[in-house]
PDB file of N, CA and C in Angstrom:
ATOM      1  N   MET A   1      14.518   5.245  43.534  1.00  0.00           N
ATOM      2  CA  MET A   1      15.068   6.123  44.556  1.00  0.00           C
ATOM      3  C   MET A   1      13.969   6.972  45.188  1.00  0.00           C
ATOM      4  N   LYS A   2      13.097   7.533  44.342  1.00  0.00           N
ATOM      5  CA  LYS A   2      12.029   8.365  44.886  1.00  0.00           C
ATOM      6  C   LYS A   2      11.083   7.546  45.754  1.00  0.00           C
ATOM      7  N   ARG A   3      10.825   6.305  45.342  1.00  0.00           N
ATOM      8  CA  ARG A   3       9.934   5.458  46.129  1.00  0.00           C
ATOM      9  C   ARG A   3      10.559   5.166  47.491  1.00  0.00           C
ATOM     10  N   ASP A   4      11.864   4.888  47.500  1.00  0.00           N
ATOM     11  CA  ASP A   4      12.558   4.642  48.769  1.00  0.00           C
ATOM     12  C   ASP A   4      12.518   5.879  49.660  1.00  0.00           C
ATOM     13  N   ASP A   5      12.742   7.054  49.057  1.00  0.00           N
ATOM     14  CA  ASP A   5      12.688   8.298  49.827  1.00  0.00           C
ATOM     15  C   ASP A   5      11.281   8.558  50.342  1.00  0.00           C
ATOM     16  N   ALA A   6      10.291   8.302  49.517  1.00  0.00           N
ATOM     17  CA  ALA A   6       8.904   8.512  49.952  1.00  0.00           C
ATOM     18  C   ALA A   6       8.561   7.567  51.099  1.00  0.00           C
ATOM     19  N   GLN A   7       9.025   6.333  50.997  1.00  0.00           N
ATOM     20  CA  GLN A   7       8.763   5.367  52.065  1.00  0.00           C
ATOM     21  C   GLN A   7       9.486   5.779  53.351  1.00  0.00           C
ATOM     22  N   ALA A   8      10.736   6.224  53.225  1.00  0.00           N
ATOM     23  CA  ALA A   8      11.492   6.659  54.406  1.00  0.00           C
ATOM     24  C   ALA A   8      10.849   7.889  55.039  1.00  0.00           C
ATOM     25  N   ALA A   9      10.359   8.806  54.208  1.00  0.00           N
ATOM     26  CA  ALA A   9       9.690  10.000  54.730  1.00  0.00           C
ATOM     27  C   ALA A   9       8.415   9.613  55.478  1.00  0.00           C
ATOM     28  N   THR A  10       7.670   8.670  54.925  1.00  0.00           N
ATOM     29  CA  THR A  10       6.444   8.209  55.582  1.00  0.00           C
ATOM     30  C   THR A  10       6.762   7.514  56.903  1.00  0.00           C
ATOM     31  N   LEU A  11       7.774   6.651  56.894  1.00  0.00           N
ATOM     32  CA  LEU A  11       8.170   5.967  58.133  1.00  0.00           C
ATOM     33  C   LEU A  11       8.650   6.968  59.184  1.00  0.00           C
ATOM     34  N   GLY A  12       9.360   7.992  58.741  1.00  0.00           N
ATOM     35  CA  GLY A  12       9.813   9.023  59.670  1.00  0.00           C
ATOM     36  C   GLY A  12       8.649   9.756  60.310  1.00  0.00           C
ATOM     37  N   LEU A  13       7.650  10.066  59.502  1.00  0.00           N
ATOM     38  CA  LEU A  13       6.457  10.737  60.024  1.00  0.00           C
ATOM     39  C   LEU A  13       5.728   9.840  61.024  1.00  0.00           C
ATOM     40  N   GLU A  14       5.605   8.565  60.685  1.00  0.00           N
ATOM     41  CA  GLU A  14       4.935   7.631  61.589  1.00  0.00           C
ATOM     42  C   GLU A  14       5.729   7.439  62.880  1.00  0.00           C
ATOM     43  N   ALA A  15       7.060   7.403  62.772  1.00  0.00           N
ATOM     44  CA  ALA A  15       7.896   7.279  63.973  1.00  0.00           C
ATOM     45  C   ALA A  15       7.724   8.505  64.868  1.00  0.00           C
ATOM     46  N   ARG A  16       7.633   9.684  64.257  1.00  0.00           N
ATOM     47  CA  ARG A  16       7.410  10.908  65.038  1.00  0.00           C
ATOM     48  C   ARG A  16       6.070  10.834  65.768  1.00  0.00           C
ATOM     49  N   GLN A  17       5.057  10.323  65.076  1.00  0.00           N
ATOM     50  CA  GLN A  17       3.740  10.200  65.704  1.00  0.00           C
ATOM     51  C   GLN A  17       3.783   9.242  66.887  1.00  0.00           C
ATOM     52  N   VAL A  18       4.562   8.180  66.758  1.00  0.00           N
ATOM     53  CA  VAL A  18       4.694   7.224  67.865  1.00  0.00           C
ATOM     54  C   VAL A  18       5.378   7.888  69.055  1.00  0.00           C
ATOM     55  N   LEU A  19       6.500   8.586  68.798  1.00  0.00           N
ATOM     56  CA  LEU A  19       7.234   9.210  69.897  1.00  0.00           C
ATOM     57  C   LEU A  19       6.458  10.347  70.551  1.00  0.00           C
ATOM     58  N   GLU A  20       5.546  10.955  69.810  1.00  0.00           N
ATOM     59  CA  GLU A  20       4.741  12.041  70.370  1.00  0.00           C
ATOM     60  C   GLU A  20       3.432  11.538  70.975  1.00  0.00           C
ATOM     61  N   ASN A  21       3.187  10.242  70.874  1.00  0.00           N
ATOM     62  CA  ASN A  21       1.954   9.664  71.388  1.00  0.00           C
ATOM     63  C   ASN A  21       2.015   9.557  72.914  1.00  0.00           C
ATOM     64  N   PRO A  22       1.061  10.172  73.621  1.00  0.00           N
ATOM     65  CA  PRO A  22       1.081  10.122  75.085  1.00  0.00           C
ATOM     66  C   PRO A  22       0.994   8.698  75.644  1.00  0.00           C
ATOM     67  N   ALA A  23       0.224   7.836  75.012  1.00  0.00           N
ATOM     68  CA  ALA A  23       0.103   6.454  75.493  1.00  0.00           C
ATOM     69  C   ALA A  23       1.439   5.724  75.369  1.00  0.00           C
ATOM     70  N   PHE A  24       2.130   5.932  74.261  1.00  0.00           N
ATOM     71  CA  PHE A  24       3.445   5.315  74.074  1.00  0.00           C
ATOM     72  C   PHE A  24       4.412   5.805  75.148  1.00  0.00           C
ATOM     73  N   ASN A  25       4.455   7.112  75.330  1.00  0.00           N
ATOM     74  CA  ASN A  25       5.371   7.675  76.326  1.00  0.00           C
ATOM     75  C   ASN A  25       5.039   7.190  77.729  1.00  0.00           C
ATOM     76  N   ASP A  26       3.764   7.102  78.045  1.00  0.00           N
ATOM     77  CA  ASP A  26       3.360   6.615  79.363  1.00  0.00           C
ATOM     78  C   ASP A  26       3.759   5.150  79.543  1.00  0.00           C
ATOM     79  N   ALA A  27       3.537   4.349  78.511  1.00  0.00           N
ATOM     80  CA  ALA A  27       3.893   2.929  78.590  1.00  0.00           C
ATOM     81  C   ALA A  27       5.396   2.756  78.793  1.00  0.00           C
ATOM     82  N   PHE A  28       6.189   3.513  78.052  1.00  0.00           N
ATOM     83  CA  PHE A  28       7.635   3.371  78.191  1.00  0.00           C
ATOM     84  C   PHE A  28       8.128   3.932  79.522  1.00  0.00           C
ATOM     85  N   GLU A  29       7.490   4.974  80.013  1.00  0.00           N
ATOM     86  CA  GLU A  29       7.839   5.499  81.338  1.00  0.00           C
ATOM     87  C   GLU A  29       7.516   4.460  82.415  1.00  0.00           C
ATOM     88  N   ARG A  30       6.375   3.806  82.289  1.00  0.00           N
ATOM     89  CA  ARG A  30       6.006   2.757  83.249  1.00  0.00           C
ATOM     90  C   ARG A  30       6.981   1.587  83.186  1.00  0.00           C
ATOM     91  N   MET A  31       7.356   1.208  81.960  1.00  0.00           N
ATOM     92  CA  MET A  31       8.318   0.116  81.810  1.00  0.00           C
ATOM     93  C   MET A  31       9.643   0.476  82.469  1.00  0.00           C
ATOM     94  N   SER A  32      10.118   1.683  82.216  1.00  0.00           N
ATOM     95  CA  SER A  32      11.394   2.117  82.795  1.00  0.00           C
ATOM     96  C   SER A  32      11.331   2.121  84.313  1.00  0.00           C
ATOM     97  N   ARG A  33      10.230   2.620  84.853  1.00  0.00           N
ATOM     98  CA  ARG A  33      10.064   2.640  86.307  1.00  0.00           C
ATOM     99  C   ARG A  33      10.027   1.224  86.877  1.00  0.00           C
ATOM    100  N   ALA A  34       9.299   0.336  86.213  1.00  0.00           N
ATOM    101  CA  ALA A  34       9.197  -1.052  86.690  1.00  0.00           C
ATOM    102  C   ALA A  34      10.559  -1.739  86.656  1.00  0.00           C
ATOM    103  N   ILE A  35      11.322  -1.496  85.609  1.00  0.00           N
ATOM    104  CA  ILE A  35      12.660  -2.090  85.515  1.00  0.00           C
ATOM    105  C   ILE A  35      13.545  -1.555  86.632  1.00  0.00           C
ATOM    106  N   PHE A  36      13.483  -0.245  86.858  1.00  0.00           N
ATOM    107  CA  PHE A  36      14.297   0.357  87.917  1.00  0.00           C
ATOM    108  C   PHE A  36      13.905  -0.180  89.293  1.00  0.00           C
ATOM    109  N   GLN A  37      12.608  -0.296  89.536  1.00  0.00           N
ATOM    110  CA  GLN A  37      12.147  -0.826  90.825  1.00  0.00           C
ATOM    111  C   GLN A  37      12.603  -2.276  91.008  1.00  0.00           C
ATOM    112  N   ALA A  38      12.519  -3.062  89.945  1.00  0.00           N
ATOM    113  CA  ALA A  38      12.969  -4.457  90.029  1.00  0.00           C
ATOM    114  C   ALA A  38      14.472  -4.516  90.280  1.00  0.00           C
ATOM    115  N   TRP A  39      15.216  -3.620  89.649  1.00  0.00           N
ATOM    116  CA  TRP A  39      16.664  -3.586  89.854  1.00  0.00           C
ATOM    117  C   TRP A  39      16.996  -3.230  91.303  1.00  0.00           C
ATOM    118  N   ARG A  40      16.256  -2.269  91.866  1.00  0.00           N
ATOM    119  CA  ARG A  40      16.492  -1.869  93.261  1.00  0.00           C
ATOM    120  C   ARG A  40      16.210  -3.023  94.221  1.00  0.00           C
ATOM    121  N   LYS A  41      15.236  -3.857  93.896  1.00  0.00           N
ATOM    122  CA  LYS A  41      14.875  -4.983  94.762  1.00  0.00           C
ATOM    123  C   LYS A  41      15.750  -6.215  94.518  1.00  0.00           C
ATOM    124  N   CYS A  42      16.505  -6.196  93.441  1.00  0.00           N
ATOM    125  CA  CYS A  42      17.315  -7.352  93.060  1.00  0.00           C
ATOM    126  C   CYS A  42      18.442  -7.569  94.079  1.00  0.00           C
ATOM    127  N   ASP A  43      18.639  -8.808  94.452  1.00  0.00           N
ATOM    128  CA  ASP A  43      19.697  -9.162  95.391  1.00  0.00           C
ATOM    129  C   ASP A  43      21.061  -8.860  94.772  1.00  0.00           C
ATOM    130  N   LEU A  44      21.988  -8.386  95.587  1.00  0.00           N
ATOM    131  CA  LEU A  44      23.326  -8.052  95.094  1.00  0.00           C
ATOM    132  C   LEU A  44      24.044  -9.258  94.498  1.00  0.00           C
ATOM    133  N   ARG A  45      23.749 -10.429  94.989  1.00  0.00           N
ATOM    134  CA  ARG A  45      24.407 -11.643  94.489  1.00  0.00           C
ATOM    135  C   ARG A  45      23.777 -12.169  93.204  1.00  0.00           C
ATOM    136  N   ASP A  46      22.667 -11.581  92.806  1.00  0.00           N
ATOM    137  CA  ASP A  46      21.955 -12.043  91.606  1.00  0.00           C
ATOM    138  C   ASP A  46      22.473 -11.300  90.368  1.00  0.00           C
ATOM    139  N   ALA A  47      23.673 -11.661  89.943  1.00  0.00           N
ATOM    140  CA  ALA A  47      24.294 -10.987  88.798  1.00  0.00           C
ATOM    141  C   ALA A  47      23.490 -11.214  87.518  1.00  0.00           C
ATOM    142  N   GLU A  48      22.971 -12.415  87.351  1.00  0.00           N
ATOM    143  CA  GLU A  48      22.188 -12.726  86.144  1.00  0.00           C
ATOM    144  C   GLU A  48      20.917 -11.879  86.094  1.00  0.00           C
ATOM    145  N   GLY A  49      20.233 -11.750  87.221  1.00  0.00           N
ATOM    146  CA  GLY A  49      19.032 -10.922  87.271  1.00  0.00           C
ATOM    147  C   GLY A  49      19.343  -9.466  86.974  1.00  0.00           C
ATOM    148  N   GLN A  50      20.446  -8.964  87.532  1.00  0.00           N
ATOM    149  CA  GLN A  50      20.851  -7.584  87.265  1.00  0.00           C
ATOM    150  C   GLN A  50      21.176  -7.385  85.789  1.00  0.00           C
ATOM    151  N   ARG A  51      21.841  -8.363  85.206  1.00  0.00           N
ATOM    152  CA  ARG A  51      22.196  -8.284  83.789  1.00  0.00           C
ATOM    153  C   ARG A  51      20.943  -8.263  82.911  1.00  0.00           C
ATOM    154  N   LEU A  52      19.969  -9.091  83.239  1.00  0.00           N
ATOM    155  CA  LEU A  52      18.720  -9.113  82.474  1.00  0.00           C
ATOM    156  C   LEU A  52      17.969  -7.790  82.590  1.00  0.00           C
ATOM    157  N   LEU A  53      17.952  -7.218  83.776  1.00  0.00           N
ATOM    158  CA  LEU A  53      17.291  -5.924  83.961  1.00  0.00           C
ATOM    159  C   LEU A  53      18.016  -4.826  83.186  1.00  0.00           C
ATOM    160  N   LEU A  54      19.343  -4.883  83.171  1.00  0.00           N
ATOM    161  CA  LEU A  54      20.111  -3.914  82.391  1.00  0.00           C
ATOM    162  C   LEU A  54      19.795  -4.053  80.904  1.00  0.00           C
ATOM    163  N   GLN A  55      19.690  -5.289  80.428  1.00  0.00           N
ATOM    164  CA  GLN A  55      19.331  -5.516  79.027  1.00  0.00           C
ATOM    165  C   GLN A  55      17.950  -4.951  78.716  1.00  0.00           C
ATOM    166  N   GLN A  56      17.017  -5.125  79.628  1.00  0.00           N
ATOM    167  CA  GLN A  56      15.673  -4.581  79.423  1.00  0.00           C
ATOM    168  C   GLN A  56      15.709  -3.058  79.358  1.00  0.00           C
ATOM    169  N   ALA A  57      16.458  -2.443  80.257  1.00  0.00           N
ATOM    170  CA  ALA A  57      16.562  -0.979  80.263  1.00  0.00           C
ATOM    171  C   ALA A  57      17.196  -0.485  78.966  1.00  0.00           C
ATOM    172  N   LYS A  58      18.226  -1.179  78.507  1.00  0.00           N
ATOM    173  CA  LYS A  58      18.879  -0.787  77.255  1.00  0.00           C
ATOM    174  C   LYS A  58      17.947  -0.983  76.067  1.00  0.00           C
ATOM    175  N   LEU A  59      17.122  -2.008  76.121  1.00  0.00           N
ATOM    176  CA  LEU A  59      16.180  -2.254  75.035  1.00  0.00           C
ATOM    177  C   LEU A  59      15.164  -1.121  74.924  1.00  0.00           C
ATOM    178  N   VAL A  60      14.670  -0.649  76.058  1.00  0.00           N
ATOM    179  CA  VAL A  60      13.737   0.485  76.052  1.00  0.00           C
ATOM    180  C   VAL A  60      14.406   1.688  75.393  1.00  0.00           C
ATOM    181  N   ASP A  61      15.654   1.965  75.783  1.00  0.00           N
ATOM    182  CA  ASP A  61      16.382   3.093  75.195  1.00  0.00           C
ATOM    183  C   ASP A  61      16.641   2.875  73.707  1.00  0.00           C
ATOM    184  N   ARG A  62      16.947   1.636  73.329  1.00  0.00           N
ATOM    185  CA  ARG A  62      17.243   1.345  71.926  1.00  0.00           C
ATOM    186  C   ARG A  62      16.010   1.527  71.043  1.00  0.00           C
ATOM    187  N   ILE A  63      14.849   1.168  71.549  1.00  0.00           N
ATOM    188  CA  ILE A  63      13.617   1.354  70.771  1.00  0.00           C
ATOM    189  C   ILE A  63      13.396   2.833  70.507  1.00  0.00           C
ATOM    190  N   LYS A  64      13.547   3.648  71.542  1.00  0.00           N
ATOM    191  CA  LYS A  64      13.370   5.094  71.363  1.00  0.00           C
ATOM    192  C   LYS A  64      14.422   5.659  70.410  1.00  0.00           C
ATOM    193  N   ALA A  65      15.665   5.208  70.540  1.00  0.00           N
ATOM    194  CA  ALA A  65      16.730   5.686  69.660  1.00  0.00           C
ATOM    195  C   ALA A  65      16.478   5.267  68.214  1.00  0.00           C
ATOM    196  N   THR A  66      15.973   4.062  68.019  1.00  0.00           N
ATOM    197  CA  THR A  66      15.661   3.594  66.668  1.00  0.00           C
ATOM    198  C   THR A  66      14.581   4.455  66.039  1.00  0.00           C
ATOM    199  N   LEU A  67      13.549   4.766  66.800  1.00  0.00           N
ATOM    200  CA  LEU A  67      12.493   5.642  66.289  1.00  0.00           C
ATOM    201  C   LEU A  67      13.047   7.032  65.983  1.00  0.00           C
ATOM    202  N   GLY A  68      13.935   7.524  66.833  1.00  0.00           N
ATOM    203  CA  GLY A  68      14.570   8.819  66.569  1.00  0.00           C
ATOM    204  C   GLY A  68      15.385   8.791  65.289  1.00  0.00           C
ATOM    205  N   GLY A  69      16.096   7.696  65.056  1.00  0.00           N
ATOM    206  CA  GLY A  69      16.847   7.544  63.808  1.00  0.00           C
ATOM    207  C   GLY A  69      15.937   7.494  62.595  1.00  0.00           C
ATOM    208  N   MET A  70      14.800   6.848  62.746  1.00  0.00           N
ATOM    209  CA  MET A  70      13.833   6.797  61.643  1.00  0.00           C
ATOM    210  C   MET A  70      13.302   8.192  61.328  1.00  0.00           C
ATOM    211  N   ILE A  71      13.126   9.006  62.358  1.00  0.00           N
ATOM    212  CA  ILE A  71      12.676  10.385  62.143  1.00  0.00           C
ATOM    213  C   ILE A  71      13.731  11.152  61.355  1.00  0.00           C
ATOM    214  N   GLU A  72      14.994  11.014  61.744  1.00  0.00           N
ATOM    215  CA  GLU A  72      16.076  11.708  61.039  1.00  0.00           C
ATOM    216  C   GLU A  72      16.180  11.242  59.588  1.00  0.00           C
ATOM    217  N   GLN A  73      16.082   9.928  59.367  1.00  0.00           N
ATOM    218  CA  GLN A  73      16.121   9.413  57.999  1.00  0.00           C
ATOM    219  C   GLN A  73      14.950   9.943  57.190  1.00  0.00           C
ATOM    220  N   GLY A  74      13.791  10.045  57.823  1.00  0.00           N
ATOM    221  CA  GLY A  74      12.620  10.599  57.152  1.00  0.00           C
ATOM    222  C   GLY A  74      12.807  12.054  56.789  1.00  0.00           C
ATOM    223  N   ASN A  75      13.431  12.821  57.694  1.00  0.00           N
ATOM    224  CA  ASN A  75      13.705  14.226  57.405  1.00  0.00           C
ATOM    225  C   ASN A  75      14.660  14.367  56.226  1.00  0.00           C
ATOM    226  N   LEU A  76      15.699  13.538  56.202  1.00  0.00           N
ATOM    227  CA  LEU A  76      16.647  13.579  55.084  1.00  0.00           C
ATOM    228  C   LEU A  76      15.978  13.175  53.776  1.00  0.00           C
ATOM    229  N   ALA A  77      15.157  12.155  53.824  1.00  0.00           N
ATOM    230  CA  ALA A  77      14.449  11.709  52.623  1.00  0.00           C
ATOM    231  C   ALA A  77      13.504  12.794  52.130  1.00  0.00           C
ATOM    232  N   ASP A  78      12.826  13.458  53.045  1.00  0.00           N
ATOM    233  CA  ASP A  78      11.924  14.547  52.674  1.00  0.00           C
ATOM    234  C   ASP A  78      12.705  15.684  52.026  1.00  0.00           C
ATOM    235  N   ALA A  79      13.881  15.994  52.558  1.00  0.00           N
ATOM    236  CA  ALA A  79      14.721  17.041  51.962  1.00  0.00           C
ATOM    237  C   ALA A  79      15.173  16.640  50.560  1.00  0.00           C
ATOM    238  N   ARG A  80      15.510  15.349  50.368  1.00  0.00           N
ATOM    239  CA  ARG A  80      15.904  14.885  49.028  1.00  0.00           C
ATOM    240  C   ARG A  80      14.736  14.986  48.057  1.00  0.00           C
ATOM    241  N   ILE A  81      13.543  14.643  48.525  1.00  0.00           N
ATOM    242  CA  ILE A  81      12.356  14.730  47.669  1.00  0.00           C
ATOM    243  C   ILE A  81      12.128  16.172  47.253  1.00  0.00           C
ATOM    244  N   GLN A  82      12.228  17.095  48.199  1.00  0.00           N
ATOM    245  CA  GLN A  82      12.024  18.511  47.878  1.00  0.00           C
ATOM    246  C   GLN A  82      13.095  19.020  46.925  1.00  0.00           C
ATOM    247  N   ALA A  83      14.353  18.603  47.141  1.00  0.00           N
ATOM    248  CA  ALA A  83      15.432  19.020  46.244  1.00  0.00           C
ATOM    249  C   ALA A  83      15.207  18.463  44.842  1.00  0.00           C
ATOM    250  N   ASP A  84      14.786  17.216  44.743  1.00  0.00           N
ATOM    251  CA  ASP A  84      14.496  16.623  43.434  1.00  0.00           C
ATOM    252  C   ASP A  84      13.356  17.355  42.747  1.00  0.00           C
ATOM    253  N   ASP A  85      12.330  17.717  43.505  1.00  0.00           N
ATOM    254  CA  ASP A  85      11.203  18.450  42.925  1.00  0.00           C
ATOM    255  C   ASP A  85      11.652  19.802  42.390  1.00  0.00           C
ATOM    256  N   LEU A  86      12.499  20.495  43.139  1.00  0.00           N
ATOM    257  CA  LEU A  86      13.013  21.785  42.667  1.00  0.00           C
ATOM    258  C   LEU A  86      13.876  21.608  41.427  1.00  0.00           C
ATOM    259  N   ARG A  87      14.701  20.584  41.432  1.00  0.00           N
ATOM    260  CA  ARG A  87      15.563  20.324  40.282  1.00  0.00           C
ATOM    261  C   ARG A  87      14.715  19.981  39.059  1.00  0.00           C
ATOM    262  N   ASP A  88      13.704  19.160  39.231  1.00  0.00           N
ATOM    263  CA  ASP A  88      12.826  18.803  38.119  1.00  0.00           C
ATOM    264  C   ASP A  88      12.066  20.020  37.619  1.00  0.00           C
ATOM    265  N   GLU A  89      11.619  20.858  38.533  1.00  0.00           N
ATOM    266  CA  GLU A  89      10.871  22.046  38.147  1.00  0.00           C
ATOM    267  C   GLU A  89      11.757  22.995  37.353  1.00  0.00           C
ATOM    268  N   SER A  90      13.000  23.151  37.745  1.00  0.00           N
ATOM    269  CA  SER A  90      13.874  24.067  37.023  1.00  0.00           C
ATOM    270  C   SER A  90      14.182  23.541  35.625  1.00  0.00           C
ATOM    271  N   ARG A  91      14.269  22.235  35.442  1.00  0.00           N
ATOM    272  CA  ARG A  91      14.465  21.670  34.105  1.00  0.00           C
ATOM    273  C   ARG A  91      13.270  21.982  33.215  1.00  0.00           C
ATOM    274  N   LEU A  92      12.085  21.875  33.770  1.00  0.00           N
ATOM    275  CA  LEU A  92      10.877  22.179  33.017  1.00  0.00           C
ATOM    276  C   LEU A  92      10.877  23.638  32.604  1.00  0.00           C
ATOM    277  N   ARG A  93      11.211  24.497  33.525  1.00  0.00           N
ATOM    278  CA  ARG A  93      11.261  25.926  33.199  1.00  0.00           C
ATOM    279  C   ARG A  93      12.314  26.213  32.141  1.00  0.00           C
ATOM    280  N   ARG A  94      13.465  25.554  32.233  1.00  0.00           N
ATOM    281  CA  ARG A  94      14.499  25.746  31.204  1.00  0.00           C
ATOM    282  C   ARG A  94      13.994  25.285  29.847  1.00  0.00           C
ATOM    283  N   GLY A  95      13.284  24.174  29.836  1.00  0.00           N
ATOM    284  CA  GLY A  95      12.726  23.686  28.570  1.00  0.00           C
ATOM    285  C   GLY A  95      11.721  24.657  27.987  1.00  0.00           C
ATOM    286  N   LEU A  96      10.873  25.215  28.821  1.00  0.00           N
ATOM    287  CA  LEU A  96       9.901  26.206  28.345  1.00  0.00           C
ATOM    288  C   LEU A  96      10.599  27.447  27.812  1.00  0.00           C
ATOM    289  N   ARG A  97      11.666  27.882  28.461  1.00  0.00           N
ATOM    290  CA  ARG A  97      12.398  29.060  27.983  1.00  0.00           C
ATOM    291  C   ARG A  97      13.025  28.797  26.629  1.00  0.00           C
ATOM    292  N   SER A  98      13.552  27.601  26.422  1.00  0.00           N
ATOM    293  CA  SER A  98      14.187  27.316  25.134  1.00  0.00           C
ATOM    294  C   SER A  98      13.160  27.248  24.011  1.00  0.00           C
ATOM    295  N   VAL A  99      11.940  26.800  24.325  1.00  0.00           N
ATOM    296  CA  VAL A  99      10.889  26.708  23.308  1.00  0.00           C
ATOM    297  C   VAL A  99      10.273  28.078  23.036  1.00  0.00           C
ATOM    298  N   THR A 100       9.981  28.813  24.090  1.00  0.00           N
ATOM    299  CA  THR A 100       9.293  30.097  23.926  1.00  0.00           C
ATOM    300  C   THR A 100      10.251  31.255  23.744  1.00  0.00           C
ATOM    301  N   GLY A 101      11.516  31.068  24.068  1.00  0.00           N
ATOM    302  CA  GLY A 101      12.480  32.151  23.938  1.00  0.00           C
ATOM    303  C   GLY A 101      12.434  33.130  25.097  1.00  0.00           C
ATOM    304  N   ARG A 102      11.721  32.833  26.128  1.00  0.00           N
ATOM    305  CA  ARG A 102      11.618  33.746  27.281  1.00  0.00           C
ATOM    306  C   ARG A 102      12.390  33.247  28.440  1.00  0.00           C
TER     307      ARG A 102
END
């Protein structure tokens, strides 16, 4: 469980770094603009082309949403790790009190 939480926390941190990366944001902004421009130029009768462009736009949004979800999962995993550490620490302190009487 701790290994899974540690891995999720690491992935969350890496996902945050990706979303905060200026090159990533610029690339996705360019992609979104290019898709929108292609959609504007698309013939009204070209339903298949419009559908493909819509799928591309949704894919861009889905990638960002997936990274956002990874960040949230990482935050939750980090909170579980911290809670486990506090719980483990309090057990140690309880054990010391029972041995030393303090």
